[in-house]
Amino acid sequence: MKDNGNSNYGKLFYAVILLDRECNFGPVGLDNKMVYSINYKDVGALVSDYPRVSSIKLLRKNLAPYHQVVKKASEHFTTIPAKFGQIARDAGEVDIALRKNYQTIQKELARLAGKVEVGLKITWNVEDIFEYFISKDEKLKSLRDQLMNGNKTQSQSELINFGHYFHERMNQTRKQQMGNRLIFLCRPAYVLRVHLTLLGRLSGVVAPSKHRSPWRAVMARSG
């Protein structure tokens, strides 16, 4: 287990990988620090030395090496990226985290073997989003027509209420469309990825690596 001997430095956490031996990625981490693994059984935490600060600024110079390390790791190993900016006190704290969460980590790594992360962004391909919803919602159309009545002066309250209803309707449709696509993803070929943190987890979408290219066409057909 490596430690730099400097009490002002901790271990910046990049990812957990499925690997039963130590590995070294070279000086590719933040501030060009060496990225290496701290291992427990068949899992390893990729870390580099970093000052013990309360937070790391979300700057390109910091995010770029983090993403490069995760990308490089995922090209060679089954990988669970860590939430950006986690700093353990020392190698011992990383080892304790691996031991304490080993069963969960190992299970997730096995589940993600052979899969890649896929980002999902849904947009409405319409010329005028306002007119699109007016044509789909009779209540919205009626409210719009009342506001456009030339014989009546609209109050600020009426305009605000109309705006609130429009955004509420749009958000409901957005959630519904997202739900339809997530239902499509709930089949054996697709799983939810787990972003590992020292305290909790965040979910994302992962698809098998063989589906990387046709992903957009498949998602278009799903809706």
C-alpha atoms as a PDB file:
ATOM      1  CA  MET A   1       0.000   0.000   0.000  1.00  0.00           C
ATOM      2  CA  LYS A   2       1.595   3.265  -1.176  1.00  0.00           C
ATOM      3  CA  ASP A   3       1.800   6.489   0.782  1.00  0.00           C
ATOM      4  CA  ASN A   4       3.817   9.617   0.046  1.00  0.00           C
ATOM      5  CA  GLY A   5       4.796  10.333   3.624  1.00  0.00           C
ATOM      6  CA  ASN A   6       3.503  13.913   3.372  1.00  0.00           C
ATOM      7  CA  SER A   7       0.828  14.507   5.995  1.00  0.00           C
ATOM      8  CA  ASN A   8      -0.642  17.337   3.910  1.00  0.00           C
ATOM      9  CA  TYR A   9      -1.489  15.023   1.030  1.00  0.00           C
ATOM     10  CA  GLY A  10      -4.371  12.592   0.738  1.00  0.00           C
ATOM     11  CA  LYS A  11      -5.522  10.197  -1.985  1.00  0.00           C
ATOM     12  CA  LEU A  12      -7.649  11.597  -4.789  1.00  0.00           C
ATOM     13  CA  PHE A  13     -10.135   8.939  -5.865  1.00  0.00           C
ATOM     14  CA  TYR A  14     -10.750   8.377  -9.626  1.00  0.00           C
ATOM     15  CA  ALA A  15     -12.419   4.995  -9.985  1.00  0.00           C
ATOM     16  CA  VAL A  16     -12.693   1.401  -8.836  1.00  0.00           C
ATOM     17  CA  ILE A  17     -11.549  -1.302 -11.245  1.00  0.00           C
ATOM     18  CA  LEU A  18     -11.746  -5.071 -11.387  1.00  0.00           C
ATOM     19  CA  LEU A  19      -8.097  -6.119 -10.995  1.00  0.00           C
ATOM     20  CA  ASP A  20      -6.367  -8.463  -8.571  1.00  0.00           C
ATOM     21  CA  ARG A  21      -2.923  -6.819  -8.760  1.00  0.00           C
ATOM     22  CA  GLU A  22      -1.501  -3.321  -8.445  1.00  0.00           C
ATOM     23  CA  CYS A  23      -1.200  -1.188 -11.555  1.00  0.00           C
ATOM     24  CA  ASN A  24       0.392   2.151 -12.401  1.00  0.00           C
ATOM     25  CA  PHE A  25      -1.008   4.527 -15.039  1.00  0.00           C
ATOM     26  CA  GLY A  26       1.901   6.960 -14.873  1.00  0.00           C
ATOM     27  CA  PRO A  27       1.843  10.757 -14.269  1.00  0.00           C
ATOM     28  CA  VAL A  28      -1.610  11.350 -15.782  1.00  0.00           C
ATOM     29  CA  GLY A  29      -3.533  12.538 -12.723  1.00  0.00           C
ATOM     30  CA  LEU A  30      -4.369  16.015 -11.479  1.00  0.00           C
ATOM     31  CA  ASP A  31      -1.224  18.170 -11.247  1.00  0.00           C
ATOM     32  CA  ASN A  32       0.537  15.438 -13.291  1.00  0.00           C
ATOM     33  CA  LYS A  33       0.645  13.130 -10.280  1.00  0.00           C
ATOM     34  CA  MET A  34       1.142   9.377 -10.623  1.00  0.00           C
ATOM     35  CA  VAL A  35      -2.097   7.414 -10.808  1.00  0.00           C
ATOM     36  CA  TYR A  36      -1.915   3.955  -9.271  1.00  0.00           C
ATOM     37  CA  SER A  37      -4.154   1.385  -7.643  1.00  0.00           C
ATOM     38  CA  ILE A  38      -4.708   0.443  -4.035  1.00  0.00           C
ATOM     39  CA  ASN A  39      -6.004  -3.118  -4.101  1.00  0.00           C
ATOM     40  CA  TYR A  40      -8.085  -5.393  -1.945  1.00  0.00           C
ATOM     41  CA  LYS A  41      -8.657  -8.906  -3.277  1.00  0.00           C
ATOM     42  CA  ASP A  42      -9.810  -8.501  -6.906  1.00  0.00           C
ATOM     43  CA  VAL A  43     -10.768  -4.811  -6.802  1.00  0.00           C
ATOM     44  CA  GLY A  44      -8.580  -1.740  -6.922  1.00  0.00           C
ATOM     45  CA  ALA A  45      -9.118   1.963  -6.259  1.00  0.00           C
ATOM     46  CA  LEU A  46      -7.345   4.276  -8.708  1.00  0.00           C
ATOM     47  CA  VAL A  47      -5.849   7.210  -6.819  1.00  0.00           C
ATOM     48  CA  SER A  48      -3.189   9.890  -6.966  1.00  0.00           C
ATOM     49  CA  ASP A  49      -1.611  12.062  -4.298  1.00  0.00           C
ATOM     50  CA  TYR A  50      -3.407  15.364  -3.797  1.00  0.00           C
ATOM     51  CA  PRO A  51      -3.484  18.052  -1.095  1.00  0.00           C
ATOM     52  CA  ARG A  52      -6.191  17.569   1.519  1.00  0.00           C
ATOM     53  CA  VAL A  53      -8.528  20.344   0.456  1.00  0.00           C
ATOM     54  CA  SER A  54     -12.234  20.622   1.223  1.00  0.00           C
ATOM     55  CA  SER A  55     -13.147  20.779  -2.481  1.00  0.00           C
ATOM     56  CA  ILE A  56     -11.578  20.823  -5.940  1.00  0.00           C
ATOM     57  CA  LYS A  57     -12.676  23.528  -8.350  1.00  0.00           C
ATOM     58  CA  LEU A  58     -14.603  22.343 -11.402  1.00  0.00           C
ATOM     59  CA  LEU A  59     -12.053  23.750 -13.828  1.00  0.00           C
ATOM     60  CA  ARG A  60     -10.992  22.259 -17.138  1.00  0.00           C
ATOM     61  CA  LYS A  61      -7.454  21.723 -15.873  1.00  0.00           C
ATOM     62  CA  ASN A  62      -8.882  19.534 -13.092  1.00  0.00           C
ATOM     63  CA  LEU A  63     -11.732  17.797 -14.939  1.00  0.00           C
ATOM     64  CA  ALA A  64      -9.693  16.903 -18.036  1.00  0.00           C
ATOM     65  CA  PRO A  65      -7.177  14.615 -16.286  1.00  0.00           C
ATOM     66  CA  TYR A  66      -9.935  13.074 -14.152  1.00  0.00           C
ATOM     67  CA  HIS A  67     -11.927  12.113 -17.264  1.00  0.00           C
ATOM     68  CA  GLN A  68      -8.774  10.929 -19.044  1.00  0.00           C
ATOM     69  CA  VAL A  69      -7.931   8.578 -16.181  1.00  0.00           C
ATOM     70  CA  VAL A  70     -11.482   7.186 -16.135  1.00  0.00           C
ATOM     71  CA  LYS A  71     -11.437   6.780 -19.923  1.00  0.00           C
ATOM     72  CA  LYS A  72      -8.086   5.011 -19.881  1.00  0.00           C
ATOM     73  CA  ALA A  73      -9.232   2.729 -17.074  1.00  0.00           C
ATOM     74  CA  SER A  74     -12.464   1.814 -18.852  1.00  0.00           C
ATOM     75  CA  GLU A  75     -10.522   0.875 -21.996  1.00  0.00           C
ATOM     76  CA  HIS A  76      -8.652  -1.835 -20.115  1.00  0.00           C
ATOM     77  CA  PHE A  77     -10.730  -2.775 -17.068  1.00  0.00           C
ATOM     78  CA  THR A  78     -14.300  -3.012 -15.863  1.00  0.00           C
ATOM     79  CA  THR A  79     -14.628   0.386 -14.197  1.00  0.00           C
ATOM     80  CA  ILE A  80     -16.884   2.281 -11.809  1.00  0.00           C
ATOM     81  CA  PRO A  81     -16.010   6.006 -11.967  1.00  0.00           C
ATOM     82  CA  ALA A  82     -15.849   7.845  -8.659  1.00  0.00           C
ATOM     83  CA  LYS A  83     -17.673  11.050  -7.962  1.00  0.00           C
ATOM     84  CA  PHE A  84     -15.265  13.853  -8.849  1.00  0.00           C
ATOM     85  CA  GLY A  85     -13.302  15.482  -6.052  1.00  0.00           C
ATOM     86  CA  GLN A  86     -13.242  12.797  -3.343  1.00  0.00           C
ATOM     87  CA  ILE A  87     -10.071  12.861  -1.282  1.00  0.00           C
ATOM     88  CA  ALA A  88      -9.303  10.178   1.282  1.00  0.00           C
ATOM     89  CA  ARG A  89      -7.047  11.008   4.211  1.00  0.00           C
ATOM     90  CA  ASP A  90      -4.495   8.359   3.266  1.00  0.00           C
ATOM     91  CA  ALA A  91      -4.045   4.916   1.702  1.00  0.00           C
ATOM     92  CA  GLY A  92      -5.345   3.325   4.878  1.00  0.00           C
ATOM     93  CA  GLU A  93      -8.686   5.071   4.565  1.00  0.00           C
ATOM     94  CA  VAL A  94      -8.985   3.870   0.941  1.00  0.00           C
ATOM     95  CA  ASP A  95      -8.200   0.329   2.053  1.00  0.00           C
ATOM     96  CA  ILE A  96     -10.856   0.487   4.773  1.00  0.00           C
ATOM     97  CA  ALA A  97     -13.437   1.757   2.231  1.00  0.00           C
ATOM     98  CA  LEU A  98     -12.619  -1.121  -0.137  1.00  0.00           C
ATOM     99  CA  ARG A  99     -12.870  -3.722   2.605  1.00  0.00           C
ATOM    100  CA  LYS A 100     -16.070  -2.292   4.050  1.00  0.00           C
ATOM    101  CA  ASN A 101     -17.811  -2.058   0.660  1.00  0.00           C
ATOM    102  CA  TYR A 102     -16.145  -5.009  -1.053  1.00  0.00           C
ATOM    103  CA  GLN A 103     -19.263  -7.125  -1.597  1.00  0.00           C
ATOM    104  CA  THR A 104     -21.213  -4.243  -3.130  1.00  0.00           C
ATOM    105  CA  ILE A 105     -18.295  -3.083  -5.278  1.00  0.00           C
ATOM    106  CA  GLN A 106     -17.476  -6.559  -6.549  1.00  0.00           C
ATOM    107  CA  LYS A 107     -21.111  -7.239  -7.385  1.00  0.00           C
ATOM    108  CA  GLU A 108     -21.449  -3.987  -9.349  1.00  0.00           C
ATOM    109  CA  LEU A 109     -18.193  -4.551 -11.214  1.00  0.00           C
ATOM    110  CA  ALA A 110     -19.355  -8.015 -12.249  1.00  0.00           C
ATOM    111  CA  ARG A 111     -22.672  -6.565 -13.380  1.00  0.00           C
ATOM    112  CA  LEU A 112     -20.965  -3.906 -15.499  1.00  0.00           C
ATOM    113  CA  ALA A 113     -18.458  -6.199 -17.201  1.00  0.00           C
ATOM    114  CA  GLY A 114     -18.528  -5.662 -20.981  1.00  0.00           C
ATOM    115  CA  LYS A 115     -20.680  -2.516 -20.832  1.00  0.00           C
ATOM    116  CA  VAL A 116     -20.093   1.178 -21.553  1.00  0.00           C
ATOM    117  CA  GLU A 117     -21.701   4.368 -20.301  1.00  0.00           C
ATOM    118  CA  VAL A 118     -24.197   6.076 -22.584  1.00  0.00           C
ATOM    119  CA  GLY A 119     -25.539   9.594 -22.106  1.00  0.00           C
ATOM    120  CA  LEU A 120     -29.256  10.091 -22.745  1.00  0.00           C
ATOM    121  CA  LYS A 121     -30.542  13.500 -23.849  1.00  0.00           C
ATOM    122  CA  ILE A 122     -34.104  13.988 -25.054  1.00  0.00           C
ATOM    123  CA  THR A 123     -35.177  16.969 -27.160  1.00  0.00           C
ATOM    124  CA  TRP A 124     -38.385  17.850 -28.976  1.00  0.00           C
ATOM    125  CA  ASN A 125     -37.782  18.092 -32.706  1.00  0.00           C
ATOM    126  CA  VAL A 126     -40.416  20.776 -33.356  1.00  0.00           C
ATOM    127  CA  GLU A 127     -40.186  24.235 -34.901  1.00  0.00           C
ATOM    128  CA  ASP A 128     -42.110  25.982 -32.110  1.00  0.00           C
ATOM    129  CA  ILE A 129     -42.258  24.261 -28.718  1.00  0.00           C
ATOM    130  CA  PHE A 130     -45.009  26.617 -27.514  1.00  0.00           C
ATOM    131  CA  GLU A 131     -47.313  25.910 -30.467  1.00  0.00           C
ATOM    132  CA  TYR A 132     -46.556  22.206 -30.143  1.00  0.00           C
ATOM    133  CA  PHE A 133     -47.981  22.111 -26.615  1.00  0.00           C
ATOM    134  CA  ILE A 134     -50.880  24.393 -27.539  1.00  0.00           C
ATOM    135  CA  SER A 135     -51.918  21.840 -30.177  1.00  0.00           C
ATOM    136  CA  LYS A 136     -51.649  18.970 -27.671  1.00  0.00           C
ATOM    137  CA  ASP A 137     -53.416  20.498 -24.663  1.00  0.00           C
ATOM    138  CA  GLU A 138     -56.938  21.888 -24.858  1.00  0.00           C
ATOM    139  CA  LYS A 139     -56.708  23.603 -21.478  1.00  0.00           C
ATOM    140  CA  LEU A 140     -53.482  25.328 -22.480  1.00  0.00           C
ATOM    141  CA  LYS A 141     -55.064  26.413 -25.766  1.00  0.00           C
ATOM    142  CA  SER A 142     -58.095  27.786 -23.959  1.00  0.00           C
ATOM    143  CA  LEU A 143     -55.940  29.758 -21.516  1.00  0.00           C
ATOM    144  CA  ARG A 144     -53.871  31.138 -24.396  1.00  0.00           C
ATOM    145  CA  ASP A 145     -57.014  32.194 -26.282  1.00  0.00           C
ATOM    146  CA  GLN A 146     -58.390  33.958 -23.211  1.00  0.00           C
ATOM    147  CA  LEU A 147     -55.146  35.881 -22.774  1.00  0.00           C
ATOM    148  CA  MET A 148     -55.117  36.875 -26.442  1.00  0.00           C
ATOM    149  CA  ASN A 149     -58.685  38.211 -26.289  1.00  0.00           C
ATOM    150  CA  GLY A 150     -58.357  41.773 -27.524  1.00  0.00           C
ATOM    151  CA  ASN A 151     -61.291  42.944 -25.429  1.00  0.00           C
ATOM    152  CA  LYS A 152     -59.580  42.134 -22.170  1.00  0.00           C
ATOM    153  CA  THR A 153     -56.433  43.426 -20.467  1.00  0.00           C
ATOM    154  CA  GLN A 154     -54.397  40.604 -19.027  1.00  0.00           C
ATOM    155  CA  SER A 155     -53.374  40.892 -15.400  1.00  0.00           C
ATOM    156  CA  GLN A 156     -49.890  40.016 -14.258  1.00  0.00           C
ATOM    157  CA  SER A 157     -51.366  37.204 -12.160  1.00  0.00           C
ATOM    158  CA  GLU A 158     -53.047  35.643 -15.212  1.00  0.00           C
ATOM    159  CA  LEU A 159     -49.819  35.772 -17.214  1.00  0.00           C
ATOM    160  CA  ILE A 160     -47.870  34.193 -14.361  1.00  0.00           C
ATOM    161  CA  ASN A 161     -50.452  31.429 -13.905  1.00  0.00           C
ATOM    162  CA  PHE A 162     -50.394  30.699 -17.627  1.00  0.00           C
ATOM    163  CA  GLY A 163     -46.599  30.487 -17.583  1.00  0.00           C
ATOM    164  CA  HIS A 164     -46.660  28.170 -14.570  1.00  0.00           C
ATOM    165  CA  TYR A 165     -49.176  25.856 -16.219  1.00  0.00           C
ATOM    166  CA  PHE A 166     -47.206  25.780 -19.471  1.00  0.00           C
ATOM    167  CA  HIS A 167     -43.976  24.803 -17.702  1.00  0.00           C
ATOM    168  CA  GLU A 168     -45.803  22.261 -15.543  1.00  0.00           C
ATOM    169  CA  ARG A 169     -47.284  20.645 -18.654  1.00  0.00           C
ATOM    170  CA  MET A 170     -43.919  20.645 -20.402  1.00  0.00           C
ATOM    171  CA  ASN A 171     -42.157  19.075 -17.411  1.00  0.00           C
ATOM    172  CA  GLN A 172     -44.838  16.369 -17.134  1.00  0.00           C
ATOM    173  CA  THR A 173     -44.355  15.454 -20.792  1.00  0.00           C
ATOM    174  CA  ARG A 174     -40.576  15.473 -20.390  1.00  0.00           C
ATOM    175  CA  LYS A 175     -40.794  13.038 -17.467  1.00  0.00           C
ATOM    176  CA  GLN A 176     -43.191  10.821 -19.406  1.00  0.00           C
ATOM    177  CA  GLN A 177     -40.912  10.707 -22.446  1.00  0.00           C
ATOM    178  CA  MET A 178     -37.891   9.966 -20.252  1.00  0.00           C
ATOM    179  CA  GLY A 179     -39.855   7.215 -18.494  1.00  0.00           C
ATOM    180  CA  ASN A 180     -40.769   5.595 -21.814  1.00  0.00           C
ATOM    181  CA  ARG A 181     -37.130   5.376 -22.780  1.00  0.00           C
ATOM    182  CA  LEU A 182     -36.019   4.114 -19.393  1.00  0.00           C
ATOM    183  CA  ILE A 183     -38.661   1.383 -19.634  1.00  0.00           C
ATOM    184  CA  PHE A 184     -37.087   0.447 -22.961  1.00  0.00           C
ATOM    185  CA  LEU A 185     -33.728   0.222 -21.200  1.00  0.00           C
ATOM    186  CA  CYS A 186     -35.064  -2.134 -18.530  1.00  0.00           C
ATOM    187  CA  ARG A 187     -34.159  -5.291 -20.401  1.00  0.00           C
ATOM    188  CA  PRO A 188     -31.268  -7.728 -19.871  1.00  0.00           C
ATOM    189  CA  ALA A 189     -28.910  -5.873 -22.234  1.00  0.00           C
ATOM    190  CA  TYR A 190     -29.067  -2.623 -20.249  1.00  0.00           C
ATOM    191  CA  VAL A 191     -28.281  -1.816 -16.619  1.00  0.00           C
ATOM    192  CA  LEU A 192     -27.933   1.190 -14.339  1.00  0.00           C
ATOM    193  CA  ARG A 193     -24.373   2.277 -13.702  1.00  0.00           C
ATOM    194  CA  VAL A 194     -23.259   3.120 -10.177  1.00  0.00           C
ATOM    195  CA  HIS A 195     -21.043   6.142  -9.529  1.00  0.00           C
ATOM    196  CA  LEU A 196     -19.060   5.095  -6.488  1.00  0.00           C
ATOM    197  CA  THR A 197     -18.602   7.512  -3.616  1.00  0.00           C
ATOM    198  CA  LEU A 198     -17.157   6.954  -0.178  1.00  0.00           C
ATOM    199  CA  LEU A 199     -20.568   7.646   1.325  1.00  0.00           C
ATOM    200  CA  GLY A 200     -23.175   6.820  -1.293  1.00  0.00           C
ATOM    201  CA  ARG A 201     -24.002   6.189  -4.948  1.00  0.00           C
ATOM    202  CA  LEU A 202     -25.344   8.030  -7.974  1.00  0.00           C
ATOM    203  CA  SER A 203     -26.974   6.278 -10.914  1.00  0.00           C
ATOM    204  CA  GLY A 204     -26.471   6.635 -14.638  1.00  0.00           C
ATOM    205  CA  VAL A 205     -27.175   4.643 -17.776  1.00  0.00           C
ATOM    206  CA  VAL A 206     -24.903   1.956 -19.157  1.00  0.00           C
ATOM    207  CA  ALA A 207     -25.273  -0.035 -22.360  1.00  0.00           C
ATOM    208  CA  PRO A 208     -23.283  -2.999 -23.645  1.00  0.00           C
ATOM    209  CA  SER A 209     -20.158  -1.986 -25.567  1.00  0.00           C
ATOM    210  CA  LYS A 210     -21.404  -3.732 -28.702  1.00  0.00           C
ATOM    211  CA  HIS A 211     -24.369  -1.317 -28.780  1.00  0.00           C
ATOM    212  CA  ARG A 212     -22.212   1.840 -28.728  1.00  0.00           C
ATOM    213  CA  SER A 213     -22.683   2.690 -32.443  1.00  0.00           C
ATOM    214  CA  PRO A 214     -26.407   1.961 -32.994  1.00  0.00           C
ATOM    215  CA  TRP A 215     -27.474   3.564 -29.707  1.00  0.00           C
ATOM    216  CA  ARG A 216     -29.017   6.721 -31.159  1.00  0.00           C
ATOM    217  CA  ALA A 217     -31.025   4.860 -33.804  1.00  0.00           C
ATOM    218  CA  VAL A 218     -32.306   2.386 -31.247  1.00  0.00           C
ATOM    219  CA  MET A 219     -33.392   5.146 -28.867  1.00  0.00           C
ATOM    220  CA  ALA A 220     -35.144   7.011 -31.692  1.00  0.00           C
ATOM    221  CA  ARG A 221     -37.212   3.913 -32.458  1.00  0.00           C
ATOM    222  CA  SER A 222     -38.074   3.386 -28.801  1.00  0.00           C
ATOM    223  CA  GLY A 223     -40.224   6.517 -28.585  1.00  0.00           C
END
